[in-house]
Amino acid sequence: MSAQNQRTSAKIFQFPARGRFAPANGAVQQDHALPTVEIGSGWYHEEAMKEEQKAKAKH
């Protein structure tokens, strides 16, 4: 009995140049628009802190 060890090379697949998640026809998708983000301290938090300070001052 003879042991035959054949080594085969790994197969390399080329990704499409357009990217994996881009549509195949090159159309731009509009349904996945990014949300708008505003940076700030949060007025609601500041108002809640003011109300808490007023309540403490009354007691």
C-alpha atoms as a PDB file:
ATOM      1  CA  MET A   1       0.000   0.000   0.000  1.00  0.00           C
ATOM      2  CA  SER A   2       1.438   3.341  -0.993  1.00  0.00           C
ATOM      3  CA  ALA A   3       0.370   6.650   0.493  1.00  0.00           C
ATOM      4  CA  GLN A   4      -0.191   9.324  -2.095  1.00  0.00           C
ATOM      5  CA  ASN A   5      -0.140  12.835  -0.795  1.00  0.00           C
ATOM      6  CA  GLN A   6      -1.221  15.279  -3.425  1.00  0.00           C
ATOM      7  CA  ARG A   7      -1.094  18.898  -2.435  1.00  0.00           C
ATOM      8  CA  THR A   8      -3.522  21.143  -4.201  1.00  0.00           C
ATOM      9  CA  SER A   9      -3.252  24.892  -4.200  1.00  0.00           C
ATOM     10  CA  ALA A  10      -5.917  27.075  -2.639  1.00  0.00           C
ATOM     11  CA  LYS A  11      -8.301  28.674  -5.083  1.00  0.00           C
ATOM     12  CA  ILE A  12      -8.349  32.467  -4.945  1.00  0.00           C
ATOM     13  CA  PHE A  13     -11.563  34.235  -5.875  1.00  0.00           C
ATOM     14  CA  GLN A  14     -11.467  37.843  -7.064  1.00  0.00           C
ATOM     15  CA  PHE A  15     -14.089  40.137  -5.515  1.00  0.00           C
ATOM     16  CA  PRO A  16     -15.917  42.337  -7.984  1.00  0.00           C
ATOM     17  CA  ALA A  17     -14.333  45.767  -8.378  1.00  0.00           C
ATOM     18  CA  ARG A  18     -17.641  47.475  -7.535  1.00  0.00           C
ATOM     19  CA  GLY A  19     -17.716  45.993  -4.039  1.00  0.00           C
ATOM     20  CA  ARG A  20     -19.740  43.197  -2.530  1.00  0.00           C
ATOM     21  CA  PHE A  21     -22.720  45.278  -1.408  1.00  0.00           C
ATOM     22  CA  ALA A  22     -23.083  47.599  -4.394  1.00  0.00           C
ATOM     23  CA  PRO A  23     -25.852  46.906  -6.899  1.00  0.00           C
ATOM     24  CA  ALA A  24     -24.695  45.050 -10.006  1.00  0.00           C
ATOM     25  CA  ASN A  25     -26.120  47.655 -12.410  1.00  0.00           C
ATOM     26  CA  GLY A  26     -24.186  50.531 -10.788  1.00  0.00           C
ATOM     27  CA  ALA A  27     -27.314  52.327  -9.571  1.00  0.00           C
ATOM     28  CA  VAL A  28     -27.065  54.354  -6.383  1.00  0.00           C
ATOM     29  CA  GLN A  29     -29.429  53.185  -3.666  1.00  0.00           C
ATOM     30  CA  GLN A  30     -31.324  56.010  -1.968  1.00  0.00           C
ATOM     31  CA  ASP A  31     -33.245  53.930   0.558  1.00  0.00           C
ATOM     32  CA  HIS A  32     -30.300  53.588   2.956  1.00  0.00           C
ATOM     33  CA  ALA A  33     -29.740  57.254   3.709  1.00  0.00           C
ATOM     34  CA  LEU A  34     -27.790  58.022   6.853  1.00  0.00           C
ATOM     35  CA  PRO A  35     -29.645  59.727   9.695  1.00  0.00           C
ATOM     36  CA  THR A  36     -28.779  63.285  10.605  1.00  0.00           C
ATOM     37  CA  VAL A  37     -26.970  63.655  13.901  1.00  0.00           C
ATOM     38  CA  GLU A  38     -26.836  66.818  15.961  1.00  0.00           C
ATOM     39  CA  ILE A  39     -24.149  67.381  18.529  1.00  0.00           C
ATOM     40  CA  GLY A  40     -25.033  69.221  21.704  1.00  0.00           C
ATOM     41  CA  SER A  41     -25.569  68.919  25.415  1.00  0.00           C
ATOM     42  CA  GLY A  42     -29.225  67.939  25.173  1.00  0.00           C
ATOM     43  CA  TRP A  43     -31.650  70.687  26.125  1.00  0.00           C
ATOM     44  CA  TYR A  44     -33.978  68.183  27.769  1.00  0.00           C
ATOM     45  CA  HIS A  45     -31.266  67.181  30.218  1.00  0.00           C
ATOM     46  CA  GLU A  46     -30.517  70.794  31.080  1.00  0.00           C
ATOM     47  CA  GLU A  47     -34.248  71.504  31.604  1.00  0.00           C
ATOM     48  CA  ALA A  48     -34.603  68.458  33.868  1.00  0.00           C
ATOM     49  CA  MET A  49     -31.653  69.620  35.959  1.00  0.00           C
ATOM     50  CA  LYS A  50     -33.179  73.117  36.288  1.00  0.00           C
ATOM     51  CA  GLU A  51     -36.531  71.648  37.395  1.00  0.00           C
ATOM     52  CA  GLU A  52     -34.781  69.473  39.969  1.00  0.00           C
ATOM     53  CA  GLN A  53     -32.883  72.471  41.354  1.00  0.00           C
ATOM     54  CA  LYS A  54     -36.143  74.473  41.595  1.00  0.00           C
ATOM     55  CA  ALA A  55     -37.834  71.613  43.439  1.00  0.00           C
ATOM     56  CA  LYS A  56     -34.949  71.359  45.906  1.00  0.00           C
ATOM     57  CA  ALA A  57     -34.990  75.119  46.481  1.00  0.00           C
ATOM     58  CA  LYS A  58     -38.708  75.041  47.377  1.00  0.00           C
ATOM     59  CA  HIS A  59     -38.204  72.412  50.082  1.00  0.00           C
END
